[in-house]
C-alpha atoms as a PDB file:
ATOM      1  CA  MET A   1      46.863 -70.678 168.226  1.00  0.00           C
ATOM      2  CA  ILE A   2      47.385 -69.114 171.583  1.00  0.00           C
ATOM      3  CA  LYS A   3      45.496 -65.949 172.158  1.00  0.00           C
ATOM      4  CA  LYS A   4      47.030 -62.658 173.282  1.00  0.00           C
ATOM      5  CA  ASP A   5      46.872 -62.205 177.365  1.00  0.00           C
ATOM      6  CA  THR A   6      47.334 -65.780 177.932  1.00  0.00           C
ATOM      7  CA  TRP A   7      49.484 -66.498 180.795  1.00  0.00           C
ATOM      8  CA  VAL A   8      52.571 -68.566 179.093  1.00  0.00           C
ATOM      9  CA  ARG A   9      56.210 -69.284 179.589  1.00  0.00           C
ATOM     10  CA  ILE A  10      59.000 -68.130 177.187  1.00  0.00           C
ATOM     11  CA  HIS A  11      62.516 -69.202 176.821  1.00  0.00           C
ATOM     12  CA  GLY A  12      65.702 -67.565 175.628  1.00  0.00           C
ATOM     13  CA  ILE A  13      69.362 -67.598 175.681  1.00  0.00           C
ATOM     14  CA  VAL A  14      70.945 -64.581 177.337  1.00  0.00           C
ATOM     15  CA  LEU A  15      74.679 -65.674 176.369  1.00  0.00           C
ATOM     16  CA  GLU A  16      76.084 -68.320 174.185  1.00  0.00           C
ATOM     17  CA  PRO A  17      79.088 -70.213 175.643  1.00  0.00           C
ATOM     18  CA  SER A  18      81.698 -67.992 173.808  1.00  0.00           C
ATOM     19  CA  GLU A  19      80.184 -64.652 175.528  1.00  0.00           C
ATOM     20  CA  ARG A  20      80.585 -66.097 178.945  1.00  0.00           C
ATOM     21  CA  SER A  21      82.900 -64.853 181.445  1.00  0.00           C
ATOM     22  CA  ALA A  22      86.190 -66.489 181.889  1.00  0.00           C
ATOM     23  CA  ASN A  23      85.749 -66.189 185.529  1.00  0.00           C
ATOM     24  CA  VAL A  24      82.981 -69.132 185.645  1.00  0.00           C
ATOM     25  CA  PRO A  25      83.574 -72.499 186.329  1.00  0.00           C
ATOM     26  CA  GLU A  26      84.884 -74.665 183.133  1.00  0.00           C
ATOM     27  CA  ASP A  27      81.650 -76.757 182.998  1.00  0.00           C
ATOM     28  CA  THR A  28      79.627 -73.624 183.251  1.00  0.00           C
ATOM     29  CA  SER A  29      81.140 -71.783 180.477  1.00  0.00           C
ATOM     30  CA  LYS A  30      80.544 -74.864 178.233  1.00  0.00           C
ATOM     31  CA  VAL A  31      76.803 -74.276 178.333  1.00  0.00           C
ATOM     32  CA  PRO A  32      74.495 -70.893 177.222  1.00  0.00           C
ATOM     33  CA  LEU A  33      73.059 -68.698 179.946  1.00  0.00           C
ATOM     34  CA  GLU A  34      69.516 -69.338 179.507  1.00  0.00           C
ATOM     35  CA  PHE A  35      66.173 -67.876 181.078  1.00  0.00           C
ATOM     36  CA  TRP A  36      62.693 -68.979 181.396  1.00  0.00           C
ATOM     37  CA  THR A  37      59.751 -66.382 182.290  1.00  0.00           C
ATOM     38  CA  LYS A  38      56.372 -66.222 182.334  1.00  0.00           C
ATOM     39  CA  GLY A  39      53.857 -63.620 181.545  1.00  0.00           C
ATOM     40  CA  TRP A  40      50.700 -62.572 179.625  1.00  0.00           C
ATOM     41  CA  LEU A  41      51.341 -62.880 175.651  1.00  0.00           C
ATOM     42  CA  THR A  42      51.167 -59.483 173.922  1.00  0.00           C
ATOM     43  CA  GLU A  43      49.896 -60.956 170.634  1.00  0.00           C
ATOM     44  CA  ASP A  44      48.503 -64.378 169.300  1.00  0.00           C
ATOM     45  CA  ALA A  45      50.973 -66.869 168.685  1.00  0.00           C
ATOM     46  CA  ASP A  46      51.812 -70.495 168.345  1.00  0.00           C
ATOM     47  CA  ILE A  47      54.114 -72.850 170.561  1.00  0.00           C
ATOM     48  CA  GLY A  48      57.786 -72.376 169.151  1.00  0.00           C
ATOM     49  CA  GLN A  49      57.315 -68.753 167.854  1.00  0.00           C
ATOM     50  CA  LYS A  50      59.204 -65.732 169.101  1.00  0.00           C
ATOM     51  CA  VAL A  51      57.003 -63.626 171.016  1.00  0.00           C
ATOM     52  CA  THR A  52      56.784 -60.722 173.796  1.00  0.00           C
ATOM     53  CA  VAL A  53      55.214 -61.109 176.967  1.00  0.00           C
ATOM     54  CA  ARG A  54      54.254 -58.688 179.759  1.00  0.00           C
ATOM     55  CA  THR A  55      55.502 -60.126 183.057  1.00  0.00           C
ATOM     56  CA  ALA A  56      53.716 -59.708 186.498  1.00  0.00           C
ATOM     57  CA  CYS A  57      55.965 -56.725 187.449  1.00  0.00           C
ATOM     58  CA  GLY A  58      55.262 -54.887 184.263  1.00  0.00           C
ATOM     59  CA  ARG A  59      58.350 -55.680 182.064  1.00  0.00           C
ATOM     60  CA  THR A  60      58.499 -56.888 178.881  1.00  0.00           C
ATOM     61  CA  GLN A  61      60.427 -59.708 177.805  1.00  0.00           C
ATOM     62  CA  ALA A  62      60.991 -61.531 174.066  1.00  0.00           C
ATOM     63  CA  GLY A  63      61.778 -65.015 173.988  1.00  0.00           C
ATOM     64  CA  THR A  64      60.605 -68.515 172.357  1.00  0.00           C
ATOM     65  CA  LEU A  65      57.091 -69.354 173.437  1.00  0.00           C
ATOM     66  CA  ILE A  66      57.161 -73.018 175.189  1.00  0.00           C
ATOM     67  CA  GLU A  67      53.937 -73.413 177.116  1.00  0.00           C
ATOM     68  CA  ALA A  68      50.498 -71.866 177.780  1.00  0.00           C
ATOM     69  CA  GLU A  69      49.104 -71.443 181.144  1.00  0.00           C
ATOM     70  CA  PRO A  70      52.073 -73.301 182.711  1.00  0.00           C
ATOM     71  CA  MET A  71      51.673 -74.842 186.176  1.00  0.00           C
ATOM     72  CA  TYR A  72      53.698 -73.938 188.861  1.00  0.00           C
ATOM     73  CA  GLU A  73      56.069 -77.091 189.069  1.00  0.00           C
ATOM     74  CA  LEU A  74      56.137 -77.004 193.248  1.00  0.00           C
ATOM     75  CA  ASN A  75      52.647 -78.590 193.241  1.00  0.00           C
ATOM     76  CA  TYR A  76      50.795 -75.541 194.209  1.00  0.00           C
ATOM     77  CA  GLY A  77      48.089 -76.856 191.414  1.00  0.00           C
ATOM     78  CA  LYS A  78      46.884 -75.635 188.327  1.00  0.00           C
ATOM     79  CA  LEU A  79      46.811 -71.887 187.458  1.00  0.00           C
ATOM     80  CA  VAL A  80      44.189 -69.753 189.042  1.00  0.00           C
ATOM     81  CA  PRO A  81      44.075 -66.710 186.738  1.00  0.00           C
ATOM     82  CA  GLU A  82      42.605 -64.472 189.183  1.00  0.00           C
ATOM     83  CA  LEU A  83      45.348 -65.035 191.812  1.00  0.00           C
ATOM     84  CA  ILE A  84      48.099 -63.586 189.272  1.00  0.00           C
ATOM     85  CA  GLU A  85      45.639 -60.474 188.251  1.00  0.00           C
ATOM     86  CA  ILE A  86      45.513 -59.452 192.059  1.00  0.00           C
ATOM     87  CA  GLY A  87      48.798 -57.483 192.156  1.00  0.00           C
ATOM     88  CA  PRO A  88      48.545 -55.429 188.986  1.00  0.00           C
ATOM     89  CA  LYS A  89      44.953 -54.743 189.519  1.00  0.00           C
ATOM     90  CA  LEU A  90      45.623 -53.750 193.120  1.00  0.00           C
ATOM     91  CA  ARG A  91      48.416 -51.259 192.032  1.00  0.00           C
ATOM     92  CA  GLN A  92      45.904 -49.736 189.569  1.00  0.00           C
ATOM     93  CA  LEU A  93      43.337 -49.079 192.259  1.00  0.00           C
ATOM     94  CA  LEU A  94      46.068 -47.648 194.552  1.00  0.00           C
ATOM     95  CA  GLU A  95      47.110 -45.307 191.806  1.00  0.00           C
ATOM     96  CA  GLU A  96      43.946 -44.064 190.865  1.00  0.00           C
ATOM     97  CA  ASP A  97      43.087 -43.539 194.804  1.00  0.00           C
ATOM     98  CA  HIS A  98      46.441 -41.703 195.247  1.00  0.00           C
ATOM     99  CA  GLU A  99      45.476 -39.431 192.311  1.00  0.00           C
END
């Protein structure tokens, strides 16, 4: 069980092949348009479940849970939770200061 507020990666299908534009290349039109998104899990869940996440920019996105605490694949190393929390915390502090 992966706990709420864990940084995770989800996957989903945006368009099935039958829904793709006729203007895309033939090989592209044969496969679905997919997405992968990272964010904080909004409820406890297991890998493979349909879930919702809150992204770093504050959007909510639904998809299938595929990984908990994903590493960046560009060899930046393991996840440092404090680094992904800086932006939202700074925005909150600035909003509070502005009020």
